[in-house]
Each structure stands twice: as structure tokens, then as C-alpha cells.
N, C-alpha and C. Protein backbone atom coordinates (compact mmCIF):
# COMPACT_ATOMS: atom_id res chain seq x y z
N MET A 1 103.45 120.11 95.26
CA MET A 1 102.34 118.95 95.32
C MET A 1 102.82 117.80 94.44
N LYS A 2 102.64 116.74 95.26
CA LYS A 2 103.07 115.36 94.43
C LYS A 2 101.75 114.86 93.39
N LYS A 3 102.45 114.42 92.41
CA LYS A 3 101.28 113.93 91.28
C LYS A 3 101.08 112.47 91.24
N ILE A 4 100.17 111.86 91.43
CA ILE A 4 99.62 110.48 91.45
C ILE A 4 98.87 110.07 90.43
N LEU A 5 99.30 109.11 89.35
CA LEU A 5 98.83 108.31 88.51
C LEU A 5 97.83 107.55 88.86
N ILE A 6 96.60 106.86 88.67
CA ILE A 6 96.08 105.88 88.96
C ILE A 6 95.82 105.25 87.39
N ILE A 7 95.90 104.05 87.14
CA ILE A 7 95.54 103.23 86.13
C ILE A 7 94.99 102.09 85.92
N ASN A 8 93.42 102.19 85.86
CA ASN A 8 92.40 100.94 86.23
C ASN A 8 92.75 100.30 84.93
N GLY A 9 92.86 99.14 84.79
CA GLY A 9 92.85 98.31 84.29
C GLY A 9 91.71 97.33 83.78
N SER A 10 90.78 97.41 84.87
CA SER A 10 89.52 96.45 85.27
C SER A 10 88.47 96.93 84.44
N PRO A 11 87.82 96.37 83.28
CA PRO A 11 86.78 96.55 82.70
C PRO A 11 85.72 96.90 83.50
N ARG A 12 85.40 96.68 84.51
CA ARG A 12 84.41 96.61 85.47
C ARG A 12 84.42 97.72 86.31
N ARG A 13 83.95 98.42 85.99
CA ARG A 13 83.45 100.12 86.75
C ARG A 13 83.19 99.63 88.16
N ASN A 14 82.82 99.08 88.71
CA ASN A 14 82.11 99.24 89.84
C ASN A 14 82.60 97.62 90.51
N GLY A 15 83.70 97.25 89.80
CA GLY A 15 84.27 95.90 90.32
C GLY A 15 85.23 95.75 91.47
N LEU A 16 85.74 94.80 92.30
CA LEU A 16 86.86 95.30 93.54
C LEU A 16 88.14 96.15 93.24
N ILE A 17 88.39 95.65 91.78
CA ILE A 17 89.53 96.60 91.72
C ILE A 17 89.52 98.17 91.76
N SER A 18 88.44 98.50 90.82
CA SER A 18 87.97 99.93 90.78
C SER A 18 87.60 100.22 92.06
N GLN A 19 87.04 99.33 93.01
CA GLN A 19 86.74 99.65 94.25
C GLN A 19 87.83 100.11 95.03
N MET A 20 88.89 99.15 95.24
CA MET A 20 90.24 99.28 95.94
C MET A 20 91.00 100.59 95.19
N LEU A 21 91.37 101.23 93.83
CA LEU A 21 91.70 101.93 93.42
C LEU A 21 91.37 103.12 94.20
N ASP A 22 89.74 103.42 94.13
CA ASP A 22 89.32 104.55 94.52
C ASP A 22 89.08 104.60 96.16
N ILE A 23 89.58 103.62 96.65
CA ILE A 23 90.28 104.34 98.20
C ILE A 23 91.76 104.75 98.39
N MET A 24 92.19 104.46 96.83
CA MET A 24 93.59 104.29 97.41
C MET A 24 93.77 105.89 96.52
N SER A 25 92.91 106.29 95.72
CA SER A 25 92.90 107.62 95.20
C SER A 25 92.16 108.60 96.08
N GLN A 26 91.27 108.24 96.79
CA GLN A 26 91.32 109.22 97.97
C GLN A 26 92.06 109.35 99.12
N ALA A 27 92.61 107.95 99.48
CA ALA A 27 93.96 108.46 100.71
C ALA A 27 95.00 108.85 99.88
N ALA A 28 95.10 109.23 99.05
CA ALA A 28 96.37 110.07 98.21
C ALA A 28 95.76 111.43 98.32
N THR A 29 94.49 111.56 97.77
CA THR A 29 93.86 113.05 97.74
C THR A 29 94.03 113.74 99.34
N ASP A 30 93.44 112.81 100.21
CA ASP A 30 93.49 113.01 101.60
C ASP A 30 94.86 113.66 102.16
N ALA A 31 96.39 112.92 101.63
CA ALA A 31 97.56 113.27 102.17
C ALA A 31 97.86 114.38 100.96
N GLY A 32 97.17 115.04 100.23
CA GLY A 32 97.53 116.06 99.98
C GLY A 32 98.02 116.01 98.11
N ALA A 33 98.24 115.11 97.49
CA ALA A 33 98.45 114.80 96.49
C ALA A 33 97.35 115.02 95.41
N GLU A 34 97.87 115.40 94.16
CA GLU A 34 96.99 115.53 93.14
C GLU A 34 96.89 114.56 92.31
N VAL A 35 95.58 113.92 92.58
CA VAL A 35 95.54 112.37 91.72
C VAL A 35 94.60 112.41 90.55
N THR A 36 95.17 111.67 89.42
CA THR A 36 94.44 111.39 87.50
C THR A 36 94.24 110.28 88.13
N MET A 37 93.07 109.77 87.64
CA MET A 37 92.70 108.27 87.83
C MET A 37 91.92 108.09 86.05
N ILE A 38 92.87 106.94 85.21
CA ILE A 38 92.57 107.24 83.80
C ILE A 38 92.36 105.36 83.84
N ASN A 39 90.95 105.16 83.29
CA ASN A 39 90.56 103.70 82.97
C ASN A 39 90.69 103.35 81.83
N ALA A 40 91.69 102.60 81.47
CA ALA A 40 92.15 101.72 80.58
C ALA A 40 91.02 101.48 79.31
N HIS A 41 89.86 101.02 79.89
CA HIS A 41 89.05 100.98 78.77
C HIS A 41 88.45 101.89 78.29
N ASP A 42 88.67 103.03 78.50
CA ASP A 42 88.11 104.46 77.68
C ASP A 42 89.18 104.99 76.84
N LEU A 43 90.40 104.17 77.27
CA LEU A 43 91.33 104.93 76.19
C LEU A 43 91.25 104.62 74.71
N LYS A 44 91.28 105.12 73.73
CA LYS A 44 91.59 104.96 72.26
C LYS A 44 93.05 104.64 71.96
N VAL A 45 93.58 103.19 71.47
CA VAL A 45 95.11 103.17 71.64
C VAL A 45 95.24 102.20 70.43
N ARG A 46 95.86 102.80 69.71
CA ARG A 46 96.48 101.32 68.35
C ARG A 46 97.17 100.75 68.86
N PRO A 47 97.53 99.63 68.04
CA PRO A 47 98.31 98.68 68.46
C PRO A 47 99.70 98.73 68.18
N CYS A 48 100.58 98.50 68.68
CA CYS A 48 101.92 98.65 68.61
C CYS A 48 102.38 97.85 66.89
N ALA A 49 102.66 98.86 66.13
CA ALA A 49 103.17 98.23 64.31
C ALA A 49 104.79 97.00 64.73
N GLY A 50 105.26 97.35 65.81
CA GLY A 50 106.76 96.87 66.42
C GLY A 50 107.73 97.10 65.29
N CYS A 51 107.81 98.29 64.84
CA CYS A 51 108.55 98.75 63.90
C CYS A 51 109.82 99.38 64.62
N MET A 52 109.58 99.31 65.85
CA MET A 52 110.88 99.54 66.84
C MET A 52 111.62 101.27 66.47
N VAL A 53 111.24 101.87 65.87
CA VAL A 53 111.43 103.26 65.62
C VAL A 53 111.50 104.08 66.94
N CYS A 54 110.46 103.89 67.80
CA CYS A 54 110.47 104.66 68.96
C CYS A 54 111.81 104.35 69.93
N ARG A 55 112.53 103.31 69.52
CA ARG A 55 113.83 102.54 70.50
C ARG A 55 114.96 103.42 70.10
N THR A 56 114.54 104.19 68.59
CA THR A 56 116.18 104.76 68.37
C THR A 56 115.53 106.31 67.72
N GLN A 57 114.32 106.82 67.66
CA GLN A 57 114.08 108.07 67.69
C GLN A 57 113.00 108.74 68.67
N GLY A 58 112.98 107.58 69.80
CA GLY A 58 112.49 108.08 70.84
C GLY A 58 110.95 108.80 70.97
N LYS A 59 110.07 108.54 69.65
CA LYS A 59 108.83 109.19 69.14
C LYS A 59 108.22 107.29 68.38
N CYS A 60 106.95 107.43 68.84
CA CYS A 60 105.97 106.39 67.97
C CYS A 60 105.83 106.92 66.61
N VAL A 61 106.04 106.12 65.71
CA VAL A 61 105.48 106.23 64.31
C VAL A 61 104.09 106.32 64.06
N LEU A 62 103.12 105.85 64.91
CA LEU A 62 101.61 105.68 64.82
C LEU A 62 101.08 107.36 65.13
N PRO A 63 100.36 107.20 64.23
CA PRO A 63 99.45 109.12 64.52
C PRO A 63 99.15 108.79 66.16
N GLU A 64 98.87 110.17 66.60
CA GLU A 64 99.11 110.30 68.28
C GLU A 64 97.68 109.84 68.62
N ASP A 65 97.54 109.29 69.77
CA ASP A 65 96.13 108.51 70.40
C ASP A 65 96.46 108.71 72.13
N ASP A 66 95.37 108.21 72.37
CA ASP A 66 95.51 108.13 74.19
C ASP A 66 96.92 107.66 74.58
N SER A 67 97.46 106.76 74.02
CA SER A 67 98.83 106.31 74.55
C SER A 67 99.93 107.51 74.91
N GLN A 68 100.28 108.35 73.79
CA GLN A 68 101.07 109.24 73.94
C GLN A 68 100.50 110.39 74.93
N ARG A 69 99.66 110.87 75.07
CA ARG A 69 98.75 111.22 76.45
C ARG A 69 99.31 110.57 77.82
N VAL A 70 98.95 109.37 77.66
CA VAL A 70 99.00 108.49 78.83
C VAL A 70 101.01 108.94 79.37
N LEU A 71 101.48 108.58 78.35
CA LEU A 71 102.99 108.56 78.63
C LEU A 71 103.30 110.05 79.17
N ARG A 72 102.91 110.88 78.72
CA ARG A 72 103.39 112.35 79.19
C ARG A 72 102.78 112.10 80.56
N MET A 73 101.66 111.71 81.02
CA MET A 73 101.12 111.62 82.16
C MET A 73 102.15 110.69 83.30
N LEU A 74 102.58 109.94 82.72
CA LEU A 74 103.52 108.88 83.58
C LEU A 74 104.79 109.36 83.85
N GLN A 75 105.62 110.39 82.73
CA GLN A 75 106.51 111.21 82.84
C GLN A 75 106.59 112.28 84.09
N GLU A 76 105.09 112.46 83.90
CA GLU A 76 105.22 113.65 84.97
C GLU A 76 105.09 113.40 86.18
N ALA A 77 104.54 112.19 86.54
CA ALA A 77 104.00 111.32 87.79
C ALA A 77 105.28 111.16 88.53
N HIS A 78 105.33 111.72 90.04
CA HIS A 78 105.67 111.11 91.16
C HIS A 78 105.93 109.79 91.44
N GLY A 79 104.30 109.08 91.35
CA GLY A 79 104.11 107.96 91.85
C GLY A 79 103.15 107.55 90.65
N VAL A 80 103.14 106.21 90.42
CA VAL A 80 102.00 105.27 89.61
C VAL A 80 101.16 104.16 90.36
N ILE A 81 100.12 103.94 90.23
CA ILE A 81 99.61 103.03 90.72
C ILE A 81 98.83 102.46 89.92
N VAL A 82 99.04 100.91 89.70
CA VAL A 82 98.36 100.16 88.18
C VAL A 82 97.28 98.90 88.91
N GLY A 83 96.42 99.34 88.63
CA GLY A 83 95.42 97.91 89.60
C GLY A 83 94.68 97.18 88.15
N ALA A 84 94.86 96.25 88.31
CA ALA A 84 93.91 95.03 87.30
C ALA A 84 93.63 93.91 87.64
N PRO A 85 92.76 93.11 87.11
CA PRO A 85 92.61 91.83 87.27
C PRO A 85 93.15 90.92 86.30
N CYS A 86 93.70 89.74 87.22
CA CYS A 86 94.41 88.08 86.61
C CYS A 86 93.76 88.12 85.33
N TYR A 87 93.43 87.98 84.37
CA TYR A 87 92.76 86.99 83.15
C TYR A 87 93.72 85.75 82.67
N TRP A 88 93.71 84.72 82.75
CA TRP A 88 94.09 83.45 82.62
C TRP A 88 95.64 83.87 82.60
N GLY A 89 96.06 84.18 83.79
CA GLY A 89 97.23 84.57 84.38
C GLY A 89 98.01 85.56 83.80
N ASN A 90 97.42 86.86 83.34
CA ASN A 90 97.79 88.21 82.69
C ASN A 90 96.82 89.27 82.89
N LEU A 91 97.48 90.44 82.20
CA LEU A 91 96.31 91.53 82.46
C LEU A 91 95.79 91.57 81.11
N PRO A 92 94.45 92.33 81.61
CA PRO A 92 93.40 92.49 80.82
C PRO A 92 94.03 92.94 79.35
N GLY A 93 93.27 92.63 78.08
CA GLY A 93 94.26 92.82 77.06
C GLY A 93 94.42 94.24 76.48
N GLN A 94 93.11 95.25 77.35
CA GLN A 94 93.30 96.92 77.04
C GLN A 94 94.56 97.36 77.64
N LEU A 95 94.62 97.13 78.79
CA LEU A 95 96.00 97.38 79.66
C LEU A 95 97.42 97.03 78.79
N LYS A 96 97.64 95.59 78.44
CA LYS A 96 98.55 95.54 77.92
C LYS A 96 98.48 96.01 76.43
N LEU A 97 97.80 96.07 76.03
CA LEU A 97 97.78 97.05 74.68
C LEU A 97 98.03 98.76 75.25
N LEU A 98 97.96 99.27 76.04
CA LEU A 98 98.44 100.33 76.34
C LEU A 98 99.84 100.45 76.49
N PHE A 99 100.39 99.31 77.53
CA PHE A 99 101.81 99.35 78.03
C PHE A 99 102.20 99.09 76.93
N ASP A 100 102.21 98.12 75.65
CA ASP A 100 103.04 98.35 74.60
C ASP A 100 102.76 99.24 73.37
């Protein structure tokens, strides 16, 4: 069974991005995929310290938070869908924090 991870970067639970991702989730489920949806604004993520230890040791030095959990989900997923509004020409802050 294919695993699809959907990351919702919108702070609006019933906004257009959320509605669009719900439609994609239903379509993937109907096609037989195992779908997990994450709302970035519900996550507890510490900001990156910029120490670059992760590049040499392959592990973050910060205490475990939701970013490590999402990373494991990304590694296991066969497909990833990210939806986010564009604020001031960029992603919403909570989604940027997760990606950092």
C-alpha cells in the first residue's frame, strides 16, 4: 500500500488550501493509498539553531520535537503533498519553521 503524507501549511482550518487538501486526501484514499494529513500549525517545533551538526552527524542536536516525527514520516512516504498559501511572497512561518 502506498503511503501519502499531506502537509497543510495553512493556518485556516476551513480555508481554500485546507479544502483542496481534503479533496486530494479523499482521492488518494479512494485510490487505495494510506493517507496521513498533518497541520503545520498544530506542531510543536523548535527553531533551527544553525549549528550545522545535522549535516555531519545526520541528527539534530535539539531535543526531539514534532519536526523529527515529521521527518520520519517523510522518509517512509511514497508521495508527499504540501499545500500552503503565499504570504508576502513566501510560505507561512510555521511551515518554514518545520522545513528548517
